[in-house]
Protein backbone atom coordinates (compact mmCIF):
# COMPACT_ATOMS: atom_id res chain seq x y z
CA MET A 1 49.16 -75.73 -216.57
CA ILE A 2 50.53 -75.27 -213.60
CA GLU A 3 53.66 -78.02 -214.22
CA VAL A 4 54.39 -75.20 -217.29
CA PHE A 5 54.51 -72.54 -214.00
CA GLY A 6 56.89 -74.25 -212.23
CA TRP A 7 59.00 -75.14 -214.71
CA LEU A 8 59.00 -71.27 -215.76
CA GLY A 9 59.82 -70.88 -211.56
CA VAL A 10 62.80 -73.02 -211.91
CA PHE A 11 64.38 -70.81 -214.42
CA ALA A 12 62.89 -68.04 -212.64
CA VAL A 13 65.64 -69.03 -209.87
CA GLY A 14 68.62 -69.79 -211.73
CA PHE A 15 68.28 -66.28 -213.46
CA VAL A 16 68.12 -64.76 -210.49
CA LEU A 17 70.78 -66.58 -208.94
CA GLY A 18 73.23 -65.29 -212.04
CA LEU A 19 71.91 -62.14 -212.24
CA LEU A 20 72.38 -60.89 -208.17
CA GLY A 21 74.36 -63.40 -206.78
CA GLY A 22 72.46 -65.41 -204.39
CA GLY A 23 68.78 -65.23 -203.30
CA GLY A 24 67.11 -67.11 -206.26
CA SER A 25 67.48 -70.35 -204.26
CA ILE A 26 65.09 -69.66 -201.59
CA LEU A 27 62.08 -69.37 -204.42
CA ILE A 28 62.91 -73.42 -204.88
CA VAL A 29 60.74 -74.30 -202.57
CA PRO A 30 57.42 -72.55 -203.37
CA VAL A 31 58.42 -73.66 -206.47
CA LEU A 32 58.07 -77.77 -205.60
CA VAL A 33 55.33 -76.88 -203.43
CA TYR A 34 52.26 -74.55 -205.04
CA LEU A 35 53.65 -75.60 -208.78
CA PHE A 36 54.43 -78.86 -208.49
CA GLY A 37 52.71 -80.56 -205.95
CA GLN A 38 55.45 -81.34 -203.41
CA SER A 39 55.85 -82.06 -199.71
CA ALA A 40 56.98 -79.96 -197.59
CA GLN A 41 60.06 -83.19 -196.77
CA GLN A 42 59.73 -83.58 -199.85
CA SER A 43 60.83 -80.99 -201.61
CA THR A 44 63.61 -79.23 -198.66
CA GLY A 45 65.79 -82.35 -199.31
CA LEU A 46 65.54 -81.48 -203.19
CA SER A 47 65.81 -77.94 -202.90
CA LEU A 48 69.36 -79.47 -201.20
CA PHE A 49 70.16 -81.38 -204.29
CA VAL A 50 69.90 -78.10 -207.37
CA VAL A 51 70.82 -75.77 -205.03
CA GLY A 52 74.34 -77.59 -204.77
CA LEU A 53 74.49 -79.25 -207.65
CA SER A 54 73.64 -75.81 -209.90
CA SER A 55 76.06 -73.98 -207.72
CA ALA A 56 79.18 -76.60 -208.54
CA ILE A 57 77.85 -75.91 -211.79
CA GLY A 58 77.01 -72.41 -211.95
CA LEU A 59 80.76 -72.15 -210.45
CA VAL A 60 83.34 -73.79 -213.00
CA LEU A 61 81.58 -72.59 -215.82
CA SER A 62 80.97 -68.26 -214.51
CA LYS A 63 85.23 -69.33 -213.95
CA GLN A 64 84.82 -68.08 -210.59
CA TYR A 65 85.86 -71.10 -209.34
CA LYS A 66 89.76 -68.77 -209.58
CA GLN A 67 88.59 -66.17 -206.90
CA VAL A 68 87.55 -69.09 -204.45
CA ASP A 69 89.42 -69.54 -201.12
CA TRP A 70 89.66 -72.62 -200.44
CA SER A 71 91.28 -72.51 -197.47
CA SER A 72 88.39 -70.75 -195.66
CA VAL A 73 85.79 -73.00 -198.08
CA VAL A 74 87.48 -75.86 -195.60
CA ALA A 75 87.15 -73.25 -192.21
CA PHE A 76 83.45 -73.24 -192.86
CA ALA A 77 81.90 -76.32 -195.11
CA ILE A 78 82.67 -78.36 -193.07
CA PRO A 79 81.02 -77.90 -189.38
CA SER A 80 78.35 -75.61 -192.10
CA SER A 81 78.27 -79.71 -194.01
CA ILE A 82 78.07 -81.71 -190.84
CA GLY A 83 75.36 -79.73 -189.55
CA ALA A 84 73.62 -80.20 -192.75
CA PHE A 85 73.89 -83.62 -192.52
CA LEU A 86 72.67 -84.03 -189.12
CA ALA A 87 69.22 -81.70 -189.52
CA ARG A 88 68.36 -83.50 -192.33
CA ARG A 89 69.39 -87.46 -190.81
CA PHE A 90 68.13 -86.97 -188.13
CA LEU A 91 66.53 -83.53 -187.29
CA VAL A 92 63.47 -83.40 -190.28
CA PRO A 93 62.68 -87.62 -189.36
CA LEU A 94 62.00 -87.32 -185.35
CA THR A 95 60.04 -83.64 -185.73
CA PRO A 96 57.53 -85.17 -184.40
CA ASP A 97 53.09 -84.83 -186.31
CA PRO A 98 51.77 -83.11 -185.45
CA VAL A 99 54.24 -80.48 -184.48
CA LEU A 100 52.84 -77.24 -182.51
CA GLY A 101 48.83 -78.14 -182.48
CA ILE A 102 49.73 -78.33 -187.01
CA SER A 103 50.73 -80.23 -189.75
CA LYS A 104 54.69 -81.21 -189.62
CA ASP A 105 54.36 -80.33 -193.35
CA MET A 106 53.23 -76.84 -192.40
CA PHE A 107 55.32 -76.49 -189.61
CA LEU A 108 58.07 -76.88 -192.31
CA LEU A 109 56.63 -73.87 -194.90
CA ILE A 110 56.46 -72.07 -192.22
CA ALA A 111 59.45 -72.07 -190.62
CA PHE A 112 60.78 -71.18 -194.98
CA ALA A 113 58.51 -68.48 -194.74
CA LEU A 114 59.44 -66.45 -192.13
CA LEU A 115 63.41 -67.43 -193.29
CA MET A 116 62.09 -65.75 -196.63
CA LEU A 117 61.15 -62.70 -194.88
CA ILE A 118 65.04 -62.02 -193.12
CA VAL A 119 65.85 -62.66 -196.74
CA GLY A 120 63.75 -60.66 -198.56
CA ALA A 121 64.20 -58.06 -196.25
CA LYS A 122 68.00 -57.92 -195.95
CA MET A 123 67.94 -57.87 -199.98
CA ILE A 124 66.06 -54.57 -199.05
CA LEU A 125 68.37 -52.64 -196.43
CA PRO A 126 71.07 -50.80 -197.30
CA THR A 127 74.12 -52.78 -196.25
CA ALA A 128 77.18 -51.45 -195.36
CA ASN A 129 79.91 -51.34 -198.22
CA ALA A 130 83.21 -54.64 -196.82
CA THR A 131 85.70 -53.28 -196.67
CA GLU A 132 88.16 -55.08 -199.67
CA SER A 133 92.06 -55.21 -198.82
CA ARG A 134 92.81 -54.33 -195.86
CA GLN A 135 91.28 -56.47 -194.29
CA GLU A 136 93.96 -59.27 -193.53
CA LYS A 137 92.90 -62.73 -193.40
CA THR A 138 92.32 -65.07 -190.41
CA THR A 139 91.28 -68.49 -189.87
CA ARG A 140 89.69 -68.92 -186.54
CA PRO A 141 88.42 -72.63 -186.01
CA LEU A 142 86.71 -71.24 -182.95
CA THR A 143 84.37 -69.13 -183.94
CA THR A 144 83.63 -70.25 -188.19
CA THR A 145 83.04 -74.31 -186.27
CA PRO A 146 80.01 -73.41 -184.46
CA VAL A 147 79.23 -70.84 -186.73
CA GLY A 148 79.11 -73.25 -190.31
CA PHE A 149 77.64 -75.41 -188.02
CA THR A 150 74.35 -73.57 -187.06
CA VAL A 151 74.43 -71.98 -189.96
CA GLY A 152 75.06 -75.60 -191.20
CA SER A 153 71.98 -76.78 -189.90
CA LEU A 154 69.17 -73.91 -190.37
CA ALA A 155 70.62 -74.79 -193.57
CA GLY A 156 69.72 -78.19 -194.18
CA TYR A 157 66.60 -78.31 -192.21
CA LEU A 158 64.94 -76.41 -194.09
CA GLY A 159 66.25 -77.01 -197.80
CA ALA A 160 67.68 -73.52 -197.81
CA GLY A 161 71.60 -72.81 -199.91
CA GLY A 162 72.35 -69.64 -196.44
CA GLY A 163 74.40 -67.95 -199.05
CA PHE A 164 72.84 -64.31 -196.76
CA LEU A 165 74.50 -66.07 -194.52
CA ILE A 166 77.46 -67.24 -195.37
CA VAL A 167 78.90 -64.02 -196.89
CA PRO A 168 78.68 -62.00 -194.14
CA ALA A 169 80.37 -64.38 -191.65
CA LEU A 170 83.37 -64.72 -194.34
CA THR A 171 83.74 -60.81 -194.81
CA GLN A 172 83.13 -61.23 -190.67
CA ILE A 173 84.81 -63.53 -189.33
CA LEU A 174 86.80 -64.57 -191.55
CA LYS A 175 87.64 -60.91 -192.68
CA VAL A 176 87.81 -62.72 -196.29
CA SER A 177 86.89 -59.80 -199.11
CA ILE A 178 83.59 -59.13 -200.86
CA LYS A 179 84.63 -60.05 -203.99
CA VAL A 180 86.85 -63.71 -203.04
CA ALA A 181 83.13 -63.45 -200.38
CA ILE A 182 81.17 -64.35 -203.11
CA PRO A 183 82.37 -67.57 -205.26
CA THR A 184 84.29 -68.91 -202.23
CA SER A 185 80.66 -68.37 -200.55
CA LEU A 186 78.78 -70.90 -202.77
CA ALA A 187 81.74 -73.44 -202.81
CA ILE A 188 80.43 -73.70 -199.17
CA ILE A 189 77.05 -74.36 -200.67
CA ALA A 190 77.31 -76.66 -203.41
CA ALA A 191 79.36 -79.03 -200.36
CA GLN A 192 76.60 -78.40 -197.23
CA SER A 193 73.45 -78.14 -199.73
CA LEU A 194 74.82 -81.19 -201.43
CA VAL A 195 76.42 -83.28 -197.98
CA GLY A 196 72.88 -82.25 -196.47
CA PHE A 197 71.08 -83.81 -199.84
CA ALA A 198 72.86 -87.25 -198.74
CA GLY A 199 71.11 -87.35 -195.19
CA THR A 200 67.54 -87.46 -196.95
CA LEU A 201 68.80 -91.13 -199.09
CA SER A 202 67.86 -93.60 -196.25
CA HIS A 203 64.34 -92.09 -195.98
CA SER A 204 62.87 -90.77 -198.86
CA THR A 205 62.85 -91.30 -202.64
CA THR A 206 64.12 -89.29 -205.58
CA ASP A 207 62.80 -89.33 -208.70
CA TRP A 208 66.35 -87.51 -209.92
CA ILE A 209 65.38 -87.52 -213.62
CA PHE A 210 62.94 -85.06 -212.28
CA ALA A 211 65.89 -83.54 -209.96
CA LEU A 212 68.50 -83.65 -212.93
CA THR A 213 65.41 -82.11 -214.81
CA LEU A 214 65.15 -79.11 -212.16
CA THR A 215 68.99 -78.97 -212.19
CA GLY A 216 69.81 -78.42 -215.77
CA LEU A 217 66.72 -75.89 -216.18
CA SER A 218 68.21 -73.82 -213.77
CA VAL A 219 72.03 -73.95 -214.34
CA VAL A 220 70.76 -72.21 -217.29
CA GLY A 221 68.84 -69.43 -216.09
CA THR A 222 72.32 -68.70 -214.12
CA LEU A 223 74.36 -68.36 -217.62
CA PHE A 224 71.23 -66.26 -218.79
CA GLY A 225 71.27 -64.08 -215.55
CA SER A 226 75.23 -64.40 -215.34
CA ARG A 227 75.40 -62.36 -218.86
CA LEU A 228 72.88 -59.63 -218.32
CA LYS A 229 74.83 -58.69 -215.49
CA GLU A 230 77.06 -56.02 -217.23
CA ARG A 231 74.28 -54.76 -219.11
CA ILE A 232 72.02 -54.48 -215.71
CA ALA A 233 72.89 -53.45 -212.66
CA PRO A 234 72.38 -56.06 -209.85
CA GLU A 235 72.31 -53.77 -206.69
CA LYS A 236 68.89 -51.81 -208.44
CA LEU A 237 66.89 -54.88 -208.80
CA LYS A 238 68.21 -56.85 -205.60
CA PRO A 239 65.64 -54.26 -203.07
CA ILE A 240 63.24 -55.75 -206.07
CA PHE A 241 63.43 -59.04 -206.17
CA GLY A 242 63.51 -58.94 -201.77
CA GLY A 243 60.58 -57.44 -201.92
CA PHE A 244 58.91 -60.52 -204.69
CA VAL A 245 60.55 -62.67 -202.07
CA ILE A 246 58.55 -60.81 -198.84
CA VAL A 247 55.21 -61.26 -200.99
CA VAL A 248 55.60 -64.86 -202.14
CA ALA A 249 56.18 -65.44 -197.90
CA LEU A 250 53.14 -63.50 -197.14
CA PHE A 251 51.38 -65.27 -199.55
CA MET A 252 52.77 -69.09 -198.39
CA ILE A 253 52.03 -67.69 -194.49
CA SER A 254 48.21 -66.76 -195.58
CA LYS A 255 47.31 -70.00 -197.95
CA GLU A 256 49.00 -72.37 -194.79
CA PHE A 257 46.65 -70.57 -192.37
CA LEU A 258 43.63 -70.13 -194.39
CA PHE A 259 44.08 -72.73 -196.83
CA PRO A 260 45.04 -75.53 -195.84
CA ARG A 261 45.98 -78.38 -197.54
């Protein structure tokens, strides 16, 4: 029965991605840990594969690739992918166990829950509207390289897509319009996540049937969510989902401290 809820959770993740354009991938790790019984290290690695491949397939099937600013993808995805790969290949294995007096798994889950609190808060709080056409797009390698590397390292280490950091970076640093930034972010997430996942292959095993099934179900959810986009106002649902993300994060923190596995 728990696994049934797990599969429904994976579908829901894709559904939210399709409906809101981001944020749903933050739930992949808790679904894998608490509903499928995966370890934190397994989950944060596998989530990169699911998020990366789902983003790539969703980008193609929705035809949003036509709006992608590929020069910005190259400028941001190269350093972010390097950061994600190095984080998974070296930083995760080198993290001591225990760390700060708690197990490595618990440390990763608490860190991920804190990231969820930030994502949830950003979805609830109102954001300023980005300028659509008056911004002059630019390329700033001296800025995008360290920012991209930092975002990729964080996303790779914790197994998150990082879209909530990538979109603001595209609009504020590269001056990309928000309409172009969202599909461009998906392309960056796809590259960054899949390269990051490659960093896990040398020190972990992957159940490819399970991974591909998760991805397929997530993509189906994404397509359903995309169809409902025209009937439901995503901006009205985003604060509600942000509140749900915060509740899940608080559950993870309390669960790990009160009932450690």
